[in-house]
PDB file of N, CA and C in Angstrom:
ATOM      1  N   UNK A   1     113.581 113.823  89.172  1.00  0.00           N
ATOM      2  CA  UNK A   1     112.996 112.909  88.545  1.00  0.00           C
ATOM      3  C   UNK A   1     112.089 113.803  87.461  1.00  0.00           C
ATOM      4  N   UNK A   2     112.146 113.633  86.258  1.00  0.00           N
ATOM      5  CA  UNK A   2     111.038 114.279  85.036  1.00  0.00           C
ATOM      6  C   UNK A   2     109.506 113.696  85.258  1.00  0.00           C
ATOM      7  N   UNK A   3     109.691 112.601  85.447  1.00  0.00           N
ATOM      8  CA  UNK A   3     108.326 111.598  85.856  1.00  0.00           C
ATOM      9  C   UNK A   3     107.596 112.258  86.771  1.00  0.00           C
ATOM     10  N   UNK A   4     108.236 111.955  87.841  1.00  0.00           N
ATOM     11  CA  UNK A   4     107.696 112.549  89.466  1.00  0.00           C
ATOM     12  C   UNK A   4     106.910 114.123  89.258  1.00  0.00           C
ATOM     13  N   UNK A   5     108.338 114.832  88.821  1.00  0.00           N
ATOM     14  CA  UNK A   5     107.722 116.544  88.293  1.00  0.00           C
ATOM     15  C   UNK A   5     106.742 116.608  87.259  1.00  0.00           C
ATOM     16  N   UNK A   6     106.452 115.834  86.075  1.00  0.00           N
ATOM     17  CA  UNK A   6     105.188 115.874  85.458  1.00  0.00           C
ATOM     18  C   UNK A   6     103.918 115.402  86.483  1.00  0.00           C
ATOM     19  N   UNK A   7     103.940 114.441  86.977  1.00  0.00           N
ATOM     20  CA  UNK A   7     103.028 114.129  87.511  1.00  0.00           C
ATOM     21  C   UNK A   7     102.328 114.971  88.839  1.00  0.00           C
ATOM     22  N   UNK A   8     103.157 115.482  89.534  1.00  0.00           N
ATOM     23  CA  UNK A   8     102.961 116.785  90.453  1.00  0.00           C
ATOM     24  C   UNK A   8     102.603 118.067  89.749  1.00  0.00           C
ATOM     25  N   UNK A   9     102.913 118.354  88.387  1.00  0.00           N
ATOM     26  CA  UNK A   9     102.484 119.383  87.316  1.00  0.00           C
ATOM     27  C   UNK A   9     100.833 118.998  87.237  1.00  0.00           C
ATOM     28  N   UNK A  10     100.421 117.360  86.973  1.00  0.00           N
ATOM     29  CA  UNK A  10      99.260 116.960  85.884  1.00  0.00           C
ATOM     30  C   UNK A  10      98.506 117.481  87.303  1.00  0.00           C
ATOM     31  N   UNK A  11      98.823 117.238  88.811  1.00  0.00           N
ATOM     32  CA  UNK A  11      97.895 117.392  89.970  1.00  0.00           C
ATOM     33  C   UNK A  11      98.180 118.716  90.383  1.00  0.00           C
ATOM     34  N   UNK A  12      98.582 119.572  89.775  1.00  0.00           N
ATOM     35  CA  UNK A  12      98.252 121.138  89.835  1.00  0.00           C
ATOM     36  C   UNK A  12      97.601 121.412  88.900  1.00  0.00           C
ATOM     37  N   UNK A  13      97.736 121.228  88.017  1.00  0.00           N
ATOM     38  CA  UNK A  13      96.758 121.532  86.816  1.00  0.00           C
ATOM     39  C   UNK A  13      95.252 120.954  87.095  1.00  0.00           C
ATOM     40  N   UNK A  14      95.143 119.802  87.531  1.00  0.00           N
ATOM     41  CA  UNK A  14      93.701 119.565  87.561  1.00  0.00           C
ATOM     42  C   UNK A  14      93.042 120.430  88.725  1.00  0.00           C
ATOM     43  N   UNK A  15      94.039 120.892  89.973  1.00  0.00           N
ATOM     44  CA  UNK A  15      93.332 121.546  90.784  1.00  0.00           C
ATOM     45  C   UNK A  15      93.004 123.114  90.564  1.00  0.00           C
ATOM     46  N   UNK A  16      93.841 123.368  89.838  1.00  0.00           N
ATOM     47  CA  UNK A  16      93.299 125.083  89.124  1.00  0.00           C
ATOM     48  C   UNK A  16      92.582 124.873  88.316  1.00  0.00           C
ATOM     49  N   UNK A  17      92.145 123.689  87.574  1.00  0.00           N
ATOM     50  CA  UNK A  17      90.347 123.300  86.845  1.00  0.00           C
ATOM     51  C   UNK A  17      89.419 123.088  87.886  1.00  0.00           C
ATOM     52  N   UNK A  18      89.739 122.545  88.734  1.00  0.00           N
ATOM     53  CA  UNK A  18      88.395 122.684  89.253  1.00  0.00           C
ATOM     54  C   UNK A  18      88.167 123.836  90.250  1.00  0.00           C
ATOM     55  N   UNK A  19      88.870 124.952  89.816  1.00  0.00           N
ATOM     56  CA  UNK A  19      88.460 126.410  90.516  1.00  0.00           C
ATOM     57  C   UNK A  19      87.861 127.296  89.361  1.00  0.00           C
ATOM     58  N   UNK A  20      87.657 126.639  87.988  1.00  0.00           N
ATOM     59  CA  UNK A  20      87.511 127.388  86.959  1.00  0.00           C
ATOM     60  C   UNK A  20      85.891 127.288  87.466  1.00  0.00           C
ATOM     61  N   UNK A  21      85.447 128.389  86.897  1.00  0.00           N
ATOM     62  CA  UNK A  21      83.511 128.497  87.182  1.00  0.00           C
ATOM     63  C   UNK A  21      82.942 127.076  86.077  1.00  0.00           C
ATOM     64  N   UNK A  22      81.675 126.768  86.660  1.00  0.00           N
ATOM     65  CA  UNK A  22      81.174 125.823  86.405  1.00  0.00           C
ATOM     66  C   UNK A  22      80.312 125.788  85.176  1.00  0.00           C
ATOM     67  N   UNK A  23      80.244 126.860  84.734  1.00  0.00           N
ATOM     68  CA  UNK A  23      79.505 126.912  83.155  1.00  0.00           C
ATOM     69  C   UNK A  23      80.176 127.076  81.957  1.00  0.00           C
ATOM     70  N   UNK A  24      79.663 127.040  80.672  1.00  0.00           N
ATOM     71  CA  UNK A  24      79.910 126.139  79.818  1.00  0.00           C
ATOM     72  C   UNK A  24      81.411 126.326  79.682  1.00  0.00           C
ATOM     73  N   UNK A  25      81.741 127.975  79.432  1.00  0.00           N
ATOM     74  CA  UNK A  25      82.737 128.522  78.910  1.00  0.00           C
ATOM     75  C   UNK A  25      84.357 127.933  80.025  1.00  0.00           C
ATOM     76  N   UNK A  26      83.834 127.902  81.290  1.00  0.00           N
ATOM     77  CA  UNK A  26      84.588 127.384  82.460  1.00  0.00           C
ATOM     78  C   UNK A  26      85.054 125.844  82.118  1.00  0.00           C
ATOM     79  N   UNK A  27      83.838 125.190  81.831  1.00  0.00           N
ATOM     80  CA  UNK A  27      84.140 123.738  81.789  1.00  0.00           C
ATOM     81  C   UNK A  27      85.036 123.341  80.127  1.00  0.00           C
ATOM     82  N   UNK A  28      84.710 124.159  79.525  1.00  0.00           N
ATOM     83  CA  UNK A  28      85.559 124.077  78.124  1.00  0.00           C
ATOM     84  C   UNK A  28      87.013 124.431  78.355  1.00  0.00           C
ATOM     85  N   UNK A  29      87.197 125.729  79.139  1.00  0.00           N
ATOM     86  CA  UNK A  29      88.711 125.576  79.372  1.00  0.00           C
ATOM     87  C   UNK A  29      89.377 124.924  80.369  1.00  0.00           C
ATOM     88  N   UNK A  30      88.240 124.218  81.686  1.00  0.00           N
ATOM     89  CA  UNK A  30      89.122 123.258  81.848  1.00  0.00           C
ATOM     90  C   UNK A  30      89.263 121.632  81.618  1.00  0.00           C
ATOM     91  N   UNK A  31      88.391 121.636  80.356  1.00  0.00           N
ATOM     92  CA  UNK A  31      88.491 120.190  79.602  1.00  0.00           C
ATOM     93  C   UNK A  31      89.858 120.572  78.721  1.00  0.00           C
ATOM     94  N   UNK A  32      90.189 121.156  78.331  1.00  0.00           N
ATOM     95  CA  UNK A  32      91.443 121.525  77.645  1.00  0.00           C
ATOM     96  C   UNK A  32      92.589 121.611  78.641  1.00  0.00           C
ATOM     97  N   UNK A  33      92.322 122.251  79.445  1.00  0.00           N
ATOM     98  CA  UNK A  33      93.545 122.272  80.014  1.00  0.00           C
ATOM     99  C   UNK A  33      93.772 121.524  80.704  1.00  0.00           C
ATOM    100  N   UNK A  34      93.232 120.682  81.059  1.00  0.00           N
ATOM    101  CA  UNK A  34      93.439 118.945  81.936  1.00  0.00           C
ATOM    102  C   UNK A  34      94.163 118.169  80.765  1.00  0.00           C
ATOM    103  N   UNK A  35      93.479 118.008  79.326  1.00  0.00           N
ATOM    104  CA  UNK A  35      93.920 117.439  78.346  1.00  0.00           C
ATOM    105  C   UNK A  35      95.681 118.048  77.878  1.00  0.00           C
ATOM    106  N   UNK A  36      95.557 119.058  77.691  1.00  0.00           N
ATOM    107  CA  UNK A  36      96.804 119.961  77.752  1.00  0.00           C
ATOM    108  C   UNK A  36      98.100 119.418  78.393  1.00  0.00           C
ATOM    109  N   UNK A  37      97.499 119.967  79.823  1.00  0.00           N
ATOM    110  CA  UNK A  37      98.849 119.784  81.278  1.00  0.00           C
ATOM    111  C   UNK A  37      98.846 118.177  81.372  1.00  0.00           C
ATOM    112  N   UNK A  38      98.293 117.220  81.209  1.00  0.00           N
ATOM    113  CA  UNK A  38      98.206 115.691  81.670  1.00  0.00           C
ATOM    114  C   UNK A  38      98.895 114.801  80.298  1.00  0.00           C
ATOM    115  N   UNK A  39      98.920 115.324  79.781  1.00  0.00           N
ATOM    116  CA  UNK A  39      99.446 114.632  78.252  1.00  0.00           C
ATOM    117  C   UNK A  39     100.770 114.783  78.478  1.00  0.00           C
ATOM    118  N   UNK A  40     101.896 115.217  78.735  1.00  0.00           N
ATOM    119  CA  UNK A  40     103.024 115.180  78.810  1.00  0.00           C
ATOM    120  C   UNK A  40     103.806 113.906  79.935  1.00  0.00           C
ATOM    121  N   UNK A  41     102.949 113.890  81.004  1.00  0.00           N
ATOM    122  CA  UNK A  41     102.806 112.616  82.226  1.00  0.00           C
ATOM    123  C   UNK A  41     102.791 111.292  81.629  1.00  0.00           C
ATOM    124  N   UNK A  42     102.058 111.666  80.857  1.00  0.00           N
ATOM    125  CA  UNK A  42     101.669 109.955  80.299  1.00  0.00           C
ATOM    126  C   UNK A  42     102.190 109.737  78.966  1.00  0.00           C
ATOM    127  N   UNK A  43     103.177 110.552  78.154  1.00  0.00           N
ATOM    128  CA  UNK A  43     103.946 110.335  76.831  1.00  0.00           C
ATOM    129  C   UNK A  43     105.151 109.746  77.605  1.00  0.00           C
ATOM    130  N   UNK A  44     105.759 110.390  78.632  1.00  0.00           N
ATOM    131  CA  UNK A  44     106.980 110.503  79.638  1.00  0.00           C
ATOM    132  C   UNK A  44     106.609 108.391  80.300  1.00  0.00           C
ATOM    133  N   UNK A  45     105.519 108.140  80.463  1.00  0.00           N
ATOM    134  CA  UNK A  45     105.522 106.953  81.128  1.00  0.00           C
ATOM    135  C   UNK A  45     106.214 106.119  80.223  1.00  0.00           C
TER     136      UNK A  45
END
């Protein structure tokens, strides 16, 4: 099911973003990664 795969992908993206450095650059990339990585799951809902 596509919806389930997109949700699993979103969870993976969040887990990866949590491993980025907690400095300005890491947080900037983390926020962008979460926005772009979780967007498809919400658009399919």
